[in-house]
Amino acid sequence: MKTIYASALLTGTLIGLLFTGFLFFSWNQGIDFMVSFHKYYALLPLVFLSVLGAAYLIEQKQNWTIDWKLIIRFAFLSYIIFEIFYAMANYLLFDIVDPSAYLRMVDTLNQEDVQRLKEANAPEEKIKELIKMGEYAKQPITWIQRLVAIGQNLIIDFIKSVLIGFIIKQVKR
């Protein structure tokens, strides 16, 4: 059991460090690269697949004897550690290192969305509404919003953890 929790700490830390490294690397490459990184990060389930793969390896190493509830705990603890790294990396980059990066990223995303709507011949009201939403997104993020976002992510992470436990349980059969 101790080894499961140690493995979860290691898994969450490695995934968190990878995210932090990619975030700062993308920021160093320029705003367009950083926007692309965030788009792909949001689209691809890399963290889920990493935690699933680690759970699979742990279960396989233990000869498929671990209870699926323990796998859920492993996955959720991995996600909690990852979320801590995620929050710290974003705070460090967007609030301390380069506070203007968030605004530039929002502007770039908004411009891309406006361009996409114009190319699709969207109505002018829709384009104006999108621009208005982009301006709203430029407001500073409060600590309450950050805590709510972390809470929402942890709820989703728990659901993903249960899914990982279910997948491992099915593979075990």
Protein backbone atom coordinates (compact mmCIF):
# COMPACT_ATOMS: atom_id res chain seq x y z
CA MET A 1 0.00 0.00 0.00
CA LYS A 2 2.84 2.35 0.84
CA THR A 3 4.32 1.69 -2.56
CA ILE A 4 1.04 2.67 -4.24
CA TYR A 5 1.06 6.08 -2.60
CA ALA A 6 4.75 6.58 -3.33
CA SER A 7 4.07 5.67 -6.96
CA ALA A 8 1.18 8.14 -7.05
CA LEU A 9 3.42 10.92 -5.69
CA LEU A 10 6.06 10.06 -8.28
CA THR A 11 3.53 9.88 -11.14
CA GLY A 12 1.86 13.18 -10.22
CA THR A 13 5.21 14.89 -9.76
CA LEU A 14 6.60 13.67 -13.09
CA ILE A 15 3.49 14.70 -15.01
CA GLY A 16 3.44 18.05 -13.18
CA LEU A 17 7.09 18.71 -13.96
CA LEU A 18 6.54 17.82 -17.61
CA PHE A 19 3.60 20.22 -17.80
CA THR A 20 5.64 22.96 -16.12
CA GLY A 21 8.56 22.38 -18.47
CA PHE A 22 6.34 22.46 -21.57
CA LEU A 23 4.52 25.55 -20.33
CA PHE A 24 7.71 27.55 -19.81
CA PHE A 25 9.27 26.19 -23.01
CA SER A 26 6.21 27.24 -25.01
CA TRP A 27 6.23 30.67 -23.36
CA ASN A 28 9.93 31.03 -24.24
CA GLN A 29 9.15 30.22 -27.88
CA GLY A 30 6.60 33.01 -28.20
CA ILE A 31 2.93 33.69 -27.77
CA ASP A 32 1.80 31.73 -30.85
CA PHE A 33 3.67 28.64 -29.66
CA MET A 34 2.20 29.03 -26.17
CA VAL A 35 -1.32 29.34 -27.58
CA SER A 36 -0.76 26.18 -29.61
CA PHE A 37 0.52 24.37 -26.53
CA HIS A 38 -2.61 25.31 -24.57
CA LYS A 39 -4.88 24.23 -27.41
CA TYR A 40 -3.23 20.82 -27.71
CA TYR A 41 -3.03 20.40 -23.94
CA ALA A 42 -6.79 21.02 -23.69
CA LEU A 43 -7.53 18.70 -26.62
CA LEU A 44 -5.26 15.72 -25.94
CA PRO A 45 -5.85 13.49 -22.89
CA LEU A 46 -2.14 13.09 -22.16
CA VAL A 47 -2.43 13.35 -18.37
CA PHE A 48 -5.26 10.78 -18.33
CA LEU A 49 -3.28 8.38 -20.51
CA SER A 50 -0.17 8.85 -18.36
CA VAL A 51 -2.02 8.08 -15.13
CA LEU A 52 -3.79 5.14 -16.78
CA GLY A 53 -0.47 3.79 -18.05
CA ALA A 54 1.13 4.14 -14.62
CA ALA A 55 -1.84 2.38 -12.99
CA TYR A 56 -1.59 -0.42 -15.54
CA LEU A 57 2.14 -0.85 -14.88
CA ILE A 58 1.66 -0.87 -11.11
CA GLU A 59 -1.14 -3.41 -11.34
CA GLN A 60 0.89 -5.57 -13.70
CA LYS A 61 3.95 -5.35 -11.42
CA GLN A 62 1.79 -6.53 -8.48
CA ASN A 63 0.48 -9.51 -10.53
CA TRP A 64 -3.01 -8.00 -10.78
CA THR A 65 -3.65 -8.33 -7.05
CA ILE A 66 -4.42 -4.70 -6.22
CA ASP A 67 -8.03 -3.84 -5.42
CA TRP A 68 -9.57 -1.45 -7.93
CA LYS A 69 -10.47 0.98 -5.12
CA LEU A 70 -6.77 1.32 -4.35
CA ILE A 71 -6.13 2.04 -8.04
CA ILE A 72 -8.73 4.82 -7.82
CA ARG A 73 -6.87 6.26 -4.82
CA PHE A 74 -3.59 6.00 -6.73
CA ALA A 75 -5.04 7.82 -9.74
CA PHE A 76 -6.73 10.52 -7.67
CA LEU A 77 -3.60 11.21 -5.61
CA SER A 78 -1.61 11.42 -8.86
CA TYR A 79 -4.12 13.97 -10.15
CA ILE A 80 -4.01 15.99 -6.92
CA ILE A 81 -0.22 16.26 -7.13
CA PHE A 82 -0.47 17.18 -10.81
CA GLU A 83 -3.08 19.89 -10.06
CA ILE A 84 -0.73 21.41 -7.48
CA PHE A 85 2.02 21.64 -10.09
CA TYR A 86 -0.46 22.94 -12.67
CA ALA A 87 -1.67 25.72 -10.37
CA MET A 88 1.84 26.68 -9.25
CA ALA A 89 3.20 26.73 -12.82
CA ASN A 90 0.38 28.92 -14.09
CA TYR A 91 0.63 31.25 -11.11
CA LEU A 92 4.38 31.50 -11.48
CA LEU A 93 4.25 32.24 -15.21
CA PHE A 94 1.14 34.40 -15.47
CA ASP A 95 1.43 36.33 -12.21
CA ILE A 96 5.12 36.54 -11.40
CA VAL A 97 7.36 35.93 -14.43
CA ASP A 98 5.25 37.53 -17.18
CA PRO A 99 1.89 39.00 -16.12
CA SER A 100 1.27 40.25 -19.66
CA ALA A 101 1.49 36.72 -21.11
CA TYR A 102 -2.07 35.86 -20.10
CA LEU A 103 -3.47 38.97 -21.78
CA ARG A 104 -1.45 38.33 -24.93
CA MET A 105 -2.65 34.73 -24.99
CA VAL A 106 -6.30 35.77 -24.60
CA ASP A 107 -5.88 38.37 -27.37
CA THR A 108 -4.31 35.83 -29.71
CA LEU A 109 -7.03 33.25 -29.05
CA ASN A 110 -9.73 35.87 -29.53
CA GLN A 111 -8.22 37.09 -32.81
CA GLU A 112 -8.01 33.51 -34.10
CA ASP A 113 -11.64 32.87 -33.18
CA VAL A 114 -12.78 36.13 -34.81
CA GLN A 115 -10.84 35.25 -37.96
CA ARG A 116 -12.40 31.78 -38.02
CA LEU A 117 -15.89 33.27 -37.71
CA LYS A 118 -15.22 35.78 -40.47
CA GLU A 119 -14.00 33.01 -42.76
CA ALA A 120 -17.18 31.07 -42.01
CA ASN A 121 -19.27 34.16 -42.89
CA ALA A 122 -20.78 34.36 -39.41
CA PRO A 123 -23.23 37.14 -38.65
CA GLU A 124 -21.72 40.41 -37.42
CA GLU A 125 -23.60 40.15 -34.09
CA LYS A 126 -21.93 36.81 -33.39
CA ILE A 127 -18.49 38.30 -34.08
CA LYS A 128 -19.20 41.28 -31.80
CA GLU A 129 -20.40 38.93 -29.07
CA LEU A 130 -17.17 36.93 -29.35
CA ILE A 131 -15.08 40.11 -29.13
CA LYS A 132 -17.05 41.16 -26.03
CA MET A 133 -16.41 37.75 -24.42
CA GLY A 134 -12.71 38.12 -25.22
CA GLU A 135 -12.62 41.48 -23.47
CA TYR A 136 -14.32 39.97 -20.43
CA ALA A 137 -11.71 37.18 -20.34
CA LYS A 138 -8.96 39.80 -19.98
CA GLN A 139 -10.06 40.67 -16.46
CA PRO A 140 -7.60 39.60 -13.77
CA ILE A 141 -8.23 36.17 -12.31
CA THR A 142 -9.11 36.34 -8.61
CA TRP A 143 -8.03 33.86 -5.95
CA ILE A 144 -11.64 32.76 -5.55
CA GLN A 145 -11.83 31.95 -9.28
CA ARG A 146 -8.58 29.98 -9.01
CA LEU A 147 -9.84 27.98 -6.04
CA VAL A 148 -13.15 27.26 -7.77
CA ALA A 149 -11.28 26.12 -10.88
CA ILE A 150 -9.06 23.82 -8.82
CA GLY A 151 -12.16 22.40 -7.10
CA GLN A 152 -13.87 21.80 -10.45
CA ASN A 153 -10.75 20.15 -11.82
CA LEU A 154 -10.53 17.87 -8.78
CA ILE A 155 -14.14 16.77 -9.27
CA ILE A 156 -13.39 15.94 -12.90
CA ASP A 157 -10.14 14.28 -11.84
CA PHE A 158 -12.04 12.06 -9.39
CA ILE A 159 -14.37 10.99 -12.19
CA LYS A 160 -11.33 10.23 -14.35
CA SER A 161 -9.82 8.25 -11.47
CA VAL A 162 -12.95 6.12 -11.18
CA LEU A 163 -12.81 5.57 -14.94
CA ILE A 164 -9.16 4.49 -14.64
CA GLY A 165 -10.09 2.11 -11.83
CA PHE A 166 -12.90 0.70 -13.95
CA ILE A 167 -10.61 0.24 -16.97
CA ILE A 168 -7.98 -1.53 -14.85
CA LYS A 169 -10.70 -3.72 -13.32
CA GLN A 170 -11.84 -4.74 -16.81
CA VAL A 171 -8.30 -5.46 -17.98
CA LYS A 172 -7.75 -7.52 -14.85
CA ARG A 173 -10.54 -9.92 -15.84
